Amino acid sequence: QVQLVESGGGLVQTGGSLRLSCIASGRDISDDTMGWYRQAPDNGTDFLAMISGFGLTTYSDRVKGRATISRDNTQNAVFLQMNKLTLDDSSVYYCKNLHTKSWGPGTQVTVSS
């Protein structure tokens, strides 16, 4: 059973940047596809980005050009660098292991003007 814990959220001004981290324990995630999502206004989840075990990346149009997903297998972790943040980026951000379907508890990002 993999446990995922996100961190790096907080309060940031519009135009600013954040680097979110997702640390995994209980499983070696180096071969797993990992994704970042955020809570949608309707309480669903919006896909943001994913990275395969080979390092192939896919981005949602919501964040393409403003976000970079990466992984560090030595830390058993994945990261999401978000730039040029807007008020619409305020949300709870989650990482997900797409192999085990496990989610982390999320980290709050609040963007202020």
Protein backbone atom coordinates (compact mmCIF):
# COMPACT_ATOMS: atom_id res chain seq x y z
CA GLN A 1 0.00 0.00 0.00
CA VAL A 2 1.54 3.27 -1.08
CA GLN A 3 1.13 6.41 0.97
CA LEU A 4 1.41 9.78 -0.73
CA VAL A 5 1.93 13.09 1.03
CA GLU A 6 1.85 16.40 -0.78
CA SER A 7 3.55 19.58 0.41
CA GLY A 8 4.59 22.96 -0.88
CA GLY A 9 1.22 24.64 -1.02
CA GLY A 10 0.56 28.01 0.52
CA LEU A 11 -0.36 31.60 -0.17
CA VAL A 12 1.15 33.22 -3.25
CA GLN A 13 0.41 36.37 -5.22
CA THR A 14 -0.80 36.35 -8.78
CA GLY A 15 2.06 35.87 -11.17
CA GLY A 16 4.04 33.95 -8.59
CA SER A 17 5.32 30.39 -8.53
CA LEU A 18 5.11 27.31 -6.34
CA ARG A 19 6.80 23.94 -6.33
CA LEU A 20 4.63 21.15 -5.04
CA SER A 21 6.13 17.92 -3.79
CA CYS A 22 4.64 14.46 -3.43
CA ILE A 23 6.62 11.99 -1.36
CA ALA A 24 5.70 8.32 -1.57
CA SER A 25 6.27 5.64 1.03
CA GLY A 26 5.45 1.97 1.22
CA ARG A 27 6.16 1.35 -2.45
CA ASP A 28 8.87 2.13 -4.96
CA ILE A 29 7.07 4.41 -7.44
CA SER A 30 9.92 4.67 -9.93
CA ASP A 31 8.06 2.55 -12.50
CA ASP A 32 4.63 4.04 -11.80
CA THR A 33 2.89 6.76 -13.72
CA MET A 34 2.18 9.61 -11.31
CA GLY A 35 -0.23 12.47 -11.79
CA TRP A 36 -1.16 15.84 -10.34
CA TYR A 37 -4.78 16.93 -10.05
CA ARG A 38 -6.67 19.68 -8.32
CA GLN A 39 -10.12 20.05 -6.91
CA ALA A 40 -12.56 21.47 -9.42
CA PRO A 41 -15.27 24.02 -8.59
CA ASP A 42 -17.89 21.26 -8.77
CA ASN A 43 -15.84 19.24 -6.22
CA GLY A 44 -14.62 16.85 -8.88
CA THR A 45 -10.96 16.70 -9.81
CA ASP A 46 -9.24 18.31 -12.76
CA PHE A 47 -6.27 16.57 -14.32
CA LEU A 48 -3.18 18.76 -14.54
CA ALA A 49 -0.15 16.67 -15.50
CA MET A 50 1.32 13.19 -15.39
CA ILE A 51 4.70 11.59 -15.77
CA SER A 52 5.40 7.99 -16.70
CA GLY A 53 8.06 5.77 -15.26
CA PHE A 54 10.08 6.53 -18.38
CA GLY A 55 9.75 10.28 -17.76
CA LEU A 56 7.24 10.97 -20.50
CA THR A 57 5.03 13.91 -19.56
CA THR A 58 1.51 14.97 -20.43
CA TYR A 59 -0.14 18.26 -19.52
CA SER A 60 -3.66 19.59 -19.41
CA ASP A 61 -4.38 22.69 -21.44
CA ARG A 62 -5.14 24.36 -18.09
CA VAL A 63 -1.47 24.40 -17.17
CA LYS A 64 0.45 23.70 -20.36
CA GLY A 65 3.29 26.17 -20.67
CA ARG A 66 3.04 27.16 -17.00
CA ALA A 67 3.74 23.86 -15.28
CA THR A 68 6.51 21.30 -15.19
CA ILE A 69 6.10 17.85 -13.70
CA SER A 70 9.22 15.98 -12.71
CA ARG A 71 10.29 13.07 -10.59
CA ASP A 72 13.25 12.08 -8.46
CA ASN A 73 13.38 8.35 -8.01
CA THR A 74 16.11 8.64 -5.38
CA GLN A 75 13.59 10.51 -3.22
CA ASN A 76 10.63 8.38 -4.36
CA ALA A 77 8.95 11.65 -5.21
CA VAL A 78 7.27 13.67 -7.91
CA PHE A 79 7.05 17.43 -8.20
CA LEU A 80 4.93 20.04 -9.90
CA GLN A 81 6.41 23.45 -10.62
CA MET A 82 3.65 25.97 -11.26
CA ASN A 83 4.45 29.43 -12.66
CA LYS A 84 2.43 32.52 -13.57
CA LEU A 85 -0.23 31.61 -11.05
CA THR A 86 -3.68 33.18 -11.40
CA LEU A 87 -6.62 33.43 -9.05
CA ASP A 88 -8.17 30.45 -10.86
CA ASP A 89 -5.26 28.28 -9.71
CA SER A 90 -6.44 28.47 -6.10
CA SER A 91 -7.43 24.95 -5.12
CA VAL A 92 -6.41 21.81 -3.26
CA TYR A 93 -3.73 19.99 -5.25
CA TYR A 94 -3.42 16.22 -5.13
CA CYS A 95 -0.96 13.70 -6.43
CA LYS A 96 -2.13 10.30 -7.56
CA ASN A 97 -0.41 7.03 -8.27
CA LEU A 98 -2.12 5.92 -11.47
CA HIS A 99 -0.91 2.34 -11.02
CA THR A 100 -2.35 1.80 -7.52
CA LYS A 101 -5.08 4.49 -7.84
CA SER A 102 -3.86 5.94 -4.51
CA TRP A 103 -4.30 9.62 -3.67
CA GLY A 104 -2.57 11.90 -1.24
CA PRO A 105 -4.53 14.11 1.19
CA GLY A 106 -3.78 17.23 -0.83
CA THR A 107 -2.09 20.57 -0.28
CA GLN A 108 -3.90 23.91 -0.40
CA VAL A 109 -2.76 26.55 -2.87
CA THR A 110 -4.25 30.01 -2.49
CA VAL A 111 -3.46 32.72 -5.00
CA SER A 112 -4.20 36.30 -3.97
CA SER A 113 -4.25 39.52 -5.95
